[in-house]
Amino acid sequence: MTRPTPPRFIQHLWDRYSQWRFGRIDPEAPIGRRGEQAAARLLRQKGFVVVAESESDRGGEIDLIAADKKSRAVIFVEVKTLQTTRPGHPADRVDENKQARITRAALRFLKRRKLLGTPCRFDVIAIWWPKGESLPVKIEHYEHAFEAAGDFQLWS
């Protein structure tokens, strides 16, 4: 049994509400940017506040920075989008070097915002988005995916 399609105006209202509430995914954007937009939408649906997208400075980039209202923590999110059918998990591409770069960028972000005493964590969102699809087929959110890495680790 198939679900009846809603009237056009109801679908239009839902689409507008979803774009306003959860963020829009630009179908013309490169695959990495679309993955970040989908990840930001997922975080908003989970109740997080997305503070910054593609935050970068001289030493690196953080895909998403969010705030958790419950734990009052800053969340640094690395998004990995896999478009090909190659074997392997997108999250496996966050190796030790990438973790160290993210940690350094997070430390600089916290210093600039005078948030060094704030609890933080590092998450990874893995996305499978085959070519030609308008939406991802699978999204996995790994909370506390890794600890601060490198020479300038964060202390709590």
N, C-alpha and C. Protein backbone atom coordinates (compact mmCIF):
# COMPACT_ATOMS: atom_id res chain seq x y z
N MET A 1 0.84 -1.17 0.00
CA MET A 1 0.00 0.00 0.00
C MET A 1 0.89 1.24 0.00
N THR A 2 0.66 2.14 -0.90
CA THR A 2 1.46 3.37 -0.97
C THR A 2 0.76 4.49 -0.24
N ARG A 3 1.56 5.35 0.32
CA ARG A 3 1.00 6.51 1.01
C ARG A 3 0.53 7.53 -0.02
N PRO A 4 -0.61 8.12 0.21
CA PRO A 4 -1.06 9.15 -0.73
C PRO A 4 -0.15 10.38 -0.63
N THR A 5 0.07 10.99 -1.75
CA THR A 5 0.91 12.20 -1.73
C THR A 5 0.09 13.36 -1.18
N PRO A 6 0.70 14.20 -0.36
CA PRO A 6 -0.06 15.33 0.20
C PRO A 6 -0.34 16.35 -0.90
N PRO A 7 -1.36 17.16 -0.70
CA PRO A 7 -1.61 18.23 -1.66
C PRO A 7 -0.38 19.12 -1.81
N ARG A 8 -0.24 19.72 -2.98
CA ARG A 8 0.96 20.50 -3.28
C ARG A 8 1.21 21.61 -2.28
N PHE A 9 0.19 22.30 -1.85
CA PHE A 9 0.42 23.42 -0.93
C PHE A 9 0.91 22.93 0.43
N ILE A 10 0.45 21.77 0.87
CA ILE A 10 0.94 21.23 2.15
C ILE A 10 2.40 20.82 2.01
N GLN A 11 2.75 20.17 0.91
CA GLN A 11 4.15 19.80 0.67
C GLN A 11 5.02 21.05 0.59
N HIS A 12 4.53 22.08 -0.08
CA HIS A 12 5.27 23.34 -0.19
C HIS A 12 5.50 23.96 1.20
N LEU A 13 4.46 23.98 2.03
CA LEU A 13 4.61 24.53 3.39
C LEU A 13 5.61 23.72 4.20
N TRP A 14 5.55 22.38 4.09
CA TRP A 14 6.50 21.54 4.82
C TRP A 14 7.92 21.78 4.35
N ASP A 15 8.12 21.89 3.03
CA ASP A 15 9.45 22.16 2.50
C ASP A 15 9.98 23.48 3.01
N ARG A 16 9.17 24.51 3.02
CA ARG A 16 9.59 25.84 3.51
C ARG A 16 9.92 25.77 5.00
N TYR A 17 9.07 25.09 5.79
CA TYR A 17 9.32 24.97 7.22
C TYR A 17 10.63 24.21 7.47
N SER A 18 10.84 23.11 6.74
CA SER A 18 12.06 22.32 6.92
C SER A 18 13.30 23.14 6.60
N GLN A 19 13.25 23.91 5.52
CA GLN A 19 14.40 24.74 5.17
C GLN A 19 14.66 25.78 6.25
N TRP A 20 13.61 26.38 6.79
CA TRP A 20 13.78 27.39 7.83
C TRP A 20 14.27 26.75 9.13
N ARG A 21 13.66 25.65 9.53
CA ARG A 21 13.95 25.04 10.82
C ARG A 21 15.27 24.27 10.84
N PHE A 22 15.52 23.50 9.80
CA PHE A 22 16.66 22.59 9.84
C PHE A 22 17.78 22.97 8.88
N GLY A 23 17.59 23.94 8.03
CA GLY A 23 18.63 24.35 7.10
C GLY A 23 18.42 23.74 5.73
N ARG A 24 18.90 24.44 4.74
CA ARG A 24 18.71 24.03 3.36
C ARG A 24 19.94 23.29 2.86
N ILE A 25 19.72 22.30 2.01
CA ILE A 25 20.82 21.61 1.34
C ILE A 25 20.82 22.08 -0.11
N ASP A 26 21.89 22.72 -0.51
CA ASP A 26 22.01 23.27 -1.85
C ASP A 26 22.38 22.16 -2.83
N PRO A 27 21.49 21.82 -3.77
CA PRO A 27 21.79 20.71 -4.68
C PRO A 27 22.92 21.02 -5.66
N GLU A 28 23.29 22.29 -5.81
CA GLU A 28 24.34 22.69 -6.74
C GLU A 28 25.73 22.74 -6.07
N ALA A 29 25.78 22.63 -4.77
CA ALA A 29 27.05 22.73 -4.04
C ALA A 29 27.89 21.48 -4.27
N PRO A 30 29.21 21.60 -4.09
CA PRO A 30 30.07 20.41 -4.16
C PRO A 30 29.67 19.39 -3.10
N ILE A 31 30.03 18.15 -3.31
CA ILE A 31 29.59 17.06 -2.43
C ILE A 31 30.02 17.28 -0.98
N GLY A 32 31.21 17.80 -0.75
CA GLY A 32 31.66 18.04 0.62
C GLY A 32 30.81 19.07 1.33
N ARG A 33 30.46 20.13 0.63
CA ARG A 33 29.62 21.18 1.21
C ARG A 33 28.21 20.67 1.47
N ARG A 34 27.67 19.86 0.53
CA ARG A 34 26.34 19.28 0.75
C ARG A 34 26.35 18.36 1.97
N GLY A 35 27.45 17.63 2.16
CA GLY A 35 27.56 16.77 3.34
C GLY A 35 27.56 17.58 4.62
N GLU A 36 28.26 18.71 4.62
CA GLU A 36 28.27 19.58 5.80
C GLU A 36 26.89 20.16 6.06
N GLN A 37 26.16 20.51 5.02
CA GLN A 37 24.81 21.02 5.19
C GLN A 37 23.88 19.95 5.76
N ALA A 38 24.02 18.72 5.28
CA ALA A 38 23.21 17.62 5.81
C ALA A 38 23.56 17.33 7.26
N ALA A 39 24.85 17.41 7.60
CA ALA A 39 25.28 17.18 8.98
C ALA A 39 24.75 18.28 9.90
N ALA A 40 24.79 19.53 9.44
CA ALA A 40 24.26 20.63 10.24
C ALA A 40 22.76 20.44 10.48
N ARG A 41 22.07 19.98 9.47
CA ARG A 41 20.64 19.72 9.60
C ARG A 41 20.39 18.63 10.64
N LEU A 42 21.20 17.56 10.60
CA LEU A 42 21.06 16.48 11.57
C LEU A 42 21.29 16.99 13.00
N LEU A 43 22.32 17.80 13.19
CA LEU A 43 22.61 18.34 14.52
C LEU A 43 21.46 19.20 15.03
N ARG A 44 20.89 20.02 14.15
CA ARG A 44 19.75 20.86 14.56
C ARG A 44 18.54 20.00 14.93
N GLN A 45 18.32 18.92 14.18
CA GLN A 45 17.21 18.03 14.49
C GLN A 45 17.41 17.36 15.84
N LYS A 46 18.67 17.13 16.23
CA LYS A 46 18.96 16.52 17.53
C LYS A 46 18.93 17.53 18.67
N GLY A 47 18.70 18.81 18.36
CA GLY A 47 18.58 19.82 19.40
C GLY A 47 19.84 20.62 19.67
N PHE A 48 20.89 20.43 18.89
CA PHE A 48 22.11 21.21 19.06
C PHE A 48 21.96 22.55 18.34
N VAL A 49 22.73 23.52 18.77
CA VAL A 49 22.76 24.82 18.12
C VAL A 49 24.05 24.88 17.30
N VAL A 50 23.93 25.04 15.99
CA VAL A 50 25.11 25.14 15.13
C VAL A 50 25.62 26.57 15.21
N VAL A 51 26.83 26.72 15.74
CA VAL A 51 27.43 28.03 15.98
C VAL A 51 28.19 28.51 14.76
N ALA A 52 28.91 27.62 14.08
CA ALA A 52 29.72 28.01 12.92
C ALA A 52 29.83 26.85 11.95
N GLU A 53 29.93 27.21 10.68
CA GLU A 53 30.16 26.21 9.63
C GLU A 53 31.43 26.60 8.89
N SER A 54 32.25 25.62 8.58
CA SER A 54 33.51 25.83 7.85
C SER A 54 34.37 26.91 8.51
N GLU A 55 34.56 26.79 9.79
CA GLU A 55 35.38 27.74 10.55
C GLU A 55 36.84 27.45 10.25
N SER A 56 37.55 28.42 9.70
CA SER A 56 38.95 28.18 9.35
C SER A 56 39.82 29.35 9.76
N ASP A 57 41.08 29.04 9.97
CA ASP A 57 42.09 30.06 10.22
C ASP A 57 43.38 29.57 9.59
N ARG A 58 44.48 30.17 9.95
CA ARG A 58 45.75 29.87 9.28
C ARG A 58 46.19 28.42 9.42
N GLY A 59 45.73 27.73 10.45
CA GLY A 59 46.23 26.39 10.71
C GLY A 59 45.30 25.25 10.38
N GLY A 60 44.07 25.53 10.05
CA GLY A 60 43.17 24.43 9.76
C GLY A 60 41.73 24.86 9.71
N GLU A 61 40.88 23.86 9.48
CA GLU A 61 39.46 24.12 9.35
C GLU A 61 38.68 23.12 10.19
N ILE A 62 37.59 23.61 10.75
CA ILE A 62 36.65 22.75 11.46
C ILE A 62 35.35 22.83 10.69
N ASP A 63 34.81 21.69 10.30
CA ASP A 63 33.62 21.67 9.45
C ASP A 63 32.42 22.32 10.14
N LEU A 64 32.11 21.87 11.36
CA LEU A 64 30.98 22.41 12.10
C LEU A 64 31.35 22.59 13.57
N ILE A 65 30.85 23.66 14.15
CA ILE A 65 30.99 23.88 15.59
C ILE A 65 29.58 24.06 16.12
N ALA A 66 29.24 23.26 17.13
CA ALA A 66 27.90 23.29 17.68
C ALA A 66 27.97 23.43 19.19
N ALA A 67 26.84 23.76 19.78
CA ALA A 67 26.73 23.86 21.23
C ALA A 67 25.64 22.91 21.69
N ASP A 68 25.93 22.19 22.75
CA ASP A 68 24.96 21.29 23.35
C ASP A 68 24.35 22.02 24.54
N LYS A 69 23.06 22.30 24.46
CA LYS A 69 22.39 23.07 25.51
C LYS A 69 22.34 22.30 26.83
N LYS A 70 22.22 20.97 26.76
CA LYS A 70 22.10 20.17 27.98
C LYS A 70 23.41 20.14 28.76
N SER A 71 24.48 19.74 28.09
CA SER A 71 25.76 19.60 28.79
C SER A 71 26.58 20.89 28.76
N ARG A 72 26.11 21.91 28.03
CA ARG A 72 26.80 23.19 27.91
C ARG A 72 28.23 23.00 27.38
N ALA A 73 28.36 22.12 26.41
CA ALA A 73 29.67 21.80 25.82
C ALA A 73 29.75 22.34 24.39
N VAL A 74 30.97 22.62 23.98
CA VAL A 74 31.24 22.99 22.59
C VAL A 74 31.60 21.71 21.86
N ILE A 75 31.00 21.51 20.69
CA ILE A 75 31.21 20.29 19.93
C ILE A 75 31.88 20.65 18.61
N PHE A 76 33.04 20.07 18.37
CA PHE A 76 33.76 20.26 17.12
C PHE A 76 33.49 19.03 16.26
N VAL A 77 32.93 19.26 15.08
CA VAL A 77 32.45 18.15 14.25
C VAL A 77 33.24 18.10 12.94
N GLU A 78 33.77 16.93 12.64
CA GLU A 78 34.40 16.67 11.35
C GLU A 78 33.41 15.85 10.53
N VAL A 79 33.11 16.31 9.32
CA VAL A 79 32.15 15.65 8.44
C VAL A 79 32.92 14.98 7.31
N LYS A 80 32.67 13.70 7.10
CA LYS A 80 33.28 12.97 6.00
C LYS A 80 32.16 12.40 5.13
N THR A 81 32.15 12.81 3.86
CA THR A 81 31.13 12.38 2.93
C THR A 81 31.78 11.47 1.89
N LEU A 82 31.22 10.29 1.72
CA LEU A 82 31.73 9.31 0.77
C LEU A 82 30.75 9.20 -0.39
N GLN A 83 31.23 9.50 -1.58
CA GLN A 83 30.36 9.48 -2.75
C GLN A 83 30.58 8.24 -3.61
N THR A 84 31.73 7.65 -3.51
CA THR A 84 32.04 6.51 -4.36
C THR A 84 31.61 5.21 -3.69
N THR A 85 31.74 4.14 -4.43
CA THR A 85 31.38 2.82 -3.90
C THR A 85 32.62 2.07 -3.40
N ARG A 86 33.72 2.80 -3.22
CA ARG A 86 34.93 2.14 -2.71
C ARG A 86 34.68 1.58 -1.31
N PRO A 87 35.32 0.48 -1.01
CA PRO A 87 35.14 -0.07 0.34
C PRO A 87 35.78 0.85 1.37
N GLY A 88 35.27 0.78 2.55
CA GLY A 88 35.81 1.60 3.64
C GLY A 88 34.74 2.50 4.21
N HIS A 89 35.00 2.93 5.40
CA HIS A 89 34.07 3.78 6.14
C HIS A 89 34.55 5.22 6.05
N PRO A 90 33.65 6.19 5.84
CA PRO A 90 34.09 7.58 5.77
C PRO A 90 34.83 8.05 7.02
N ALA A 91 34.42 7.57 8.19
CA ALA A 91 35.05 8.01 9.44
C ALA A 91 36.49 7.53 9.55
N ASP A 92 36.86 6.49 8.80
CA ASP A 92 38.24 6.00 8.83
C ASP A 92 39.22 7.02 8.27
N ARG A 93 38.71 7.99 7.54
CA ARG A 93 39.58 9.01 6.93
C ARG A 93 39.98 10.11 7.91
N VAL A 94 39.49 10.04 9.13
CA VAL A 94 39.91 10.98 10.17
C VAL A 94 41.06 10.31 10.92
N ASP A 95 42.25 10.42 10.35
CA ASP A 95 43.42 9.76 10.93
C ASP A 95 44.05 10.63 12.02
N GLU A 96 45.17 10.18 12.57
CA GLU A 96 45.81 10.90 13.67
C GLU A 96 46.26 12.30 13.26
N ASN A 97 46.76 12.46 12.04
CA ASN A 97 47.18 13.79 11.59
C ASN A 97 45.99 14.74 11.51
N LYS A 98 44.88 14.26 10.98
CA LYS A 98 43.67 15.08 10.87
C LYS A 98 43.16 15.43 12.27
N GLN A 99 43.19 14.48 13.19
CA GLN A 99 42.76 14.74 14.56
C GLN A 99 43.62 15.82 15.20
N ALA A 100 44.94 15.78 14.97
CA ALA A 100 45.84 16.79 15.53
C ALA A 100 45.54 18.17 14.94
N ARG A 101 45.27 18.24 13.63
CA ARG A 101 44.94 19.53 13.00
C ARG A 101 43.63 20.09 13.55
N ILE A 102 42.64 19.22 13.73
CA ILE A 102 41.36 19.66 14.28
C ILE A 102 41.53 20.14 15.71
N THR A 103 42.34 19.43 16.48
CA THR A 103 42.60 19.82 17.87
C THR A 103 43.25 21.20 17.94
N ARG A 104 44.26 21.45 17.09
CA ARG A 104 44.91 22.77 17.08
C ARG A 104 43.93 23.88 16.69
N ALA A 105 43.10 23.61 15.67
CA ALA A 105 42.12 24.60 15.25
C ALA A 105 41.08 24.84 16.35
N ALA A 106 40.68 23.79 17.06
CA ALA A 106 39.72 23.93 18.15
C ALA A 106 40.31 24.76 19.28
N LEU A 107 41.58 24.52 19.61
CA LEU A 107 42.23 25.27 20.66
C LEU A 107 42.30 26.75 20.31
N ARG A 108 42.65 27.05 19.06
CA ARG A 108 42.69 28.45 18.64
C ARG A 108 41.30 29.09 18.68
N PHE A 109 40.26 28.33 18.29
CA PHE A 109 38.89 28.83 18.36
C PHE A 109 38.51 29.15 19.80
N LEU A 110 38.80 28.23 20.72
CA LEU A 110 38.47 28.45 22.12
C LEU A 110 39.23 29.64 22.71
N LYS A 111 40.49 29.82 22.32
CA LYS A 111 41.27 30.96 22.80
C LYS A 111 40.68 32.27 22.28
N ARG A 112 40.36 32.32 20.98
CA ARG A 112 39.80 33.56 20.40
C ARG A 112 38.50 33.95 21.07
N ARG A 113 37.70 32.98 21.43
CA ARG A 113 36.38 33.26 22.02
C ARG A 113 36.41 33.30 23.55
N LYS A 114 37.62 33.15 24.12
CA LYS A 114 37.78 33.13 25.58
C LYS A 114 36.89 32.06 26.24
N LEU A 115 36.97 30.84 25.69
CA LEU A 115 36.18 29.71 26.17
C LEU A 115 37.05 28.54 26.62
N LEU A 116 38.28 28.82 27.03
CA LEU A 116 39.20 27.73 27.37
C LEU A 116 38.71 26.86 28.53
N GLY A 117 37.89 27.38 29.41
CA GLY A 117 37.37 26.57 30.52
C GLY A 117 36.13 25.79 30.19
N THR A 118 35.63 25.91 28.98
CA THR A 118 34.38 25.26 28.57
C THR A 118 34.64 23.81 28.17
N PRO A 119 33.80 22.89 28.62
CA PRO A 119 33.97 21.50 28.18
C PRO A 119 33.74 21.41 26.67
N CYS A 120 34.48 20.52 26.03
CA CYS A 120 34.31 20.33 24.59
C CYS A 120 34.52 18.87 24.24
N ARG A 121 34.09 18.52 23.05
CA ARG A 121 34.28 17.16 22.56
C ARG A 121 34.43 17.20 21.05
N PHE A 122 34.90 16.09 20.51
CA PHE A 122 35.14 15.97 19.08
C PHE A 122 34.26 14.84 18.52
N ASP A 123 33.40 15.18 17.57
CA ASP A 123 32.50 14.22 16.94
C ASP A 123 32.87 14.06 15.48
N VAL A 124 32.43 12.96 14.91
CA VAL A 124 32.58 12.72 13.48
C VAL A 124 31.21 12.32 12.94
N ILE A 125 30.84 12.90 11.81
CA ILE A 125 29.61 12.51 11.13
C ILE A 125 30.01 11.91 9.79
N ALA A 126 29.64 10.65 9.57
CA ALA A 126 29.95 9.93 8.34
C ALA A 126 28.70 9.90 7.47
N ILE A 127 28.88 10.26 6.19
CA ILE A 127 27.74 10.35 5.28
C ILE A 127 28.04 9.55 4.02
N TRP A 128 27.07 8.74 3.60
CA TRP A 128 27.14 8.03 2.33
C TRP A 128 26.16 8.71 1.38
N TRP A 129 26.69 9.30 0.30
CA TRP A 129 25.86 10.06 -0.63
C TRP A 129 26.24 9.68 -2.06
N PRO A 130 25.60 8.65 -2.62
CA PRO A 130 25.96 8.20 -3.97
C PRO A 130 25.71 9.28 -5.02
N LYS A 131 26.47 9.21 -6.11
CA LYS A 131 26.29 10.16 -7.21
C LYS A 131 24.88 10.05 -7.76
N GLY A 132 24.33 11.21 -8.09
CA GLY A 132 23.01 11.24 -8.68
C GLY A 132 21.86 11.26 -7.69
N GLU A 133 22.14 11.03 -6.42
CA GLU A 133 21.08 11.05 -5.41
C GLU A 133 20.89 12.47 -4.90
N SER A 134 19.64 12.84 -4.58
CA SER A 134 19.38 14.18 -4.08
C SER A 134 19.59 14.28 -2.57
N LEU A 135 19.56 13.16 -1.88
CA LEU A 135 19.79 13.12 -0.43
C LEU A 135 20.72 11.97 -0.09
N PRO A 136 21.40 12.05 1.06
CA PRO A 136 22.27 10.94 1.44
C PRO A 136 21.46 9.69 1.76
N VAL A 137 22.09 8.54 1.54
CA VAL A 137 21.39 7.28 1.84
C VAL A 137 21.63 6.84 3.29
N LYS A 138 22.70 7.36 3.90
CA LYS A 138 23.00 6.96 5.28
C LYS A 138 23.84 8.04 5.95
N ILE A 139 23.49 8.35 7.21
CA ILE A 139 24.27 9.30 8.02
C ILE A 139 24.47 8.67 9.39
N GLU A 140 25.72 8.66 9.86
CA GLU A 140 26.02 8.16 11.20
C GLU A 140 26.76 9.24 11.98
N HIS A 141 26.31 9.48 13.21
CA HIS A 141 26.91 10.49 14.08
C HIS A 141 27.64 9.78 15.22
N TYR A 142 28.95 9.98 15.28
CA TYR A 142 29.77 9.38 16.33
C TYR A 142 30.15 10.46 17.33
N GLU A 143 29.49 10.43 18.48
CA GLU A 143 29.81 11.39 19.54
C GLU A 143 31.08 10.92 20.25
N HIS A 144 31.88 11.86 20.72
CA HIS A 144 33.15 11.55 21.39
C HIS A 144 33.99 10.62 20.51
N ALA A 145 34.10 10.95 19.23
CA ALA A 145 34.80 10.08 18.28
C ALA A 145 36.28 9.95 18.58
N PHE A 146 36.89 11.02 19.07
CA PHE A 146 38.30 10.96 19.43
C PHE A 146 38.61 11.99 20.50
N GLU A 147 39.70 11.76 21.20
CA GLU A 147 40.18 12.70 22.21
C GLU A 147 41.09 13.72 21.54
N ALA A 148 41.33 14.82 22.21
CA ALA A 148 42.25 15.83 21.68
C ALA A 148 43.60 15.17 21.41
N ALA A 149 44.18 15.50 20.25
CA ALA A 149 45.42 14.85 19.83
C ALA A 149 46.47 15.89 19.49
N GLY A 150 47.72 15.47 19.53
CA GLY A 150 48.81 16.35 19.13
C GLY A 150 49.54 16.95 20.30
N ASP A 151 50.44 17.89 19.98
CA ASP A 151 51.28 18.51 20.99
C ASP A 151 50.49 19.46 21.89
N PHE A 152 49.43 20.03 21.39
CA PHE A 152 48.69 21.04 22.15
C PHE A 152 47.33 20.50 22.55
N GLN A 153 47.33 19.42 23.31
CA GLN A 153 46.08 18.79 23.72
C GLN A 153 45.35 19.71 24.69
N LEU A 154 44.05 19.49 24.78
CA LEU A 154 43.20 20.26 25.70
C LEU A 154 43.14 19.52 27.02
N TRP A 155 43.11 20.27 28.08
CA TRP A 155 42.99 19.65 29.40
C TRP A 155 41.64 20.00 29.99
N SER A 156 41.12 19.13 30.85
CA SER A 156 39.87 19.47 31.53
C SER A 156 40.08 19.48 33.02
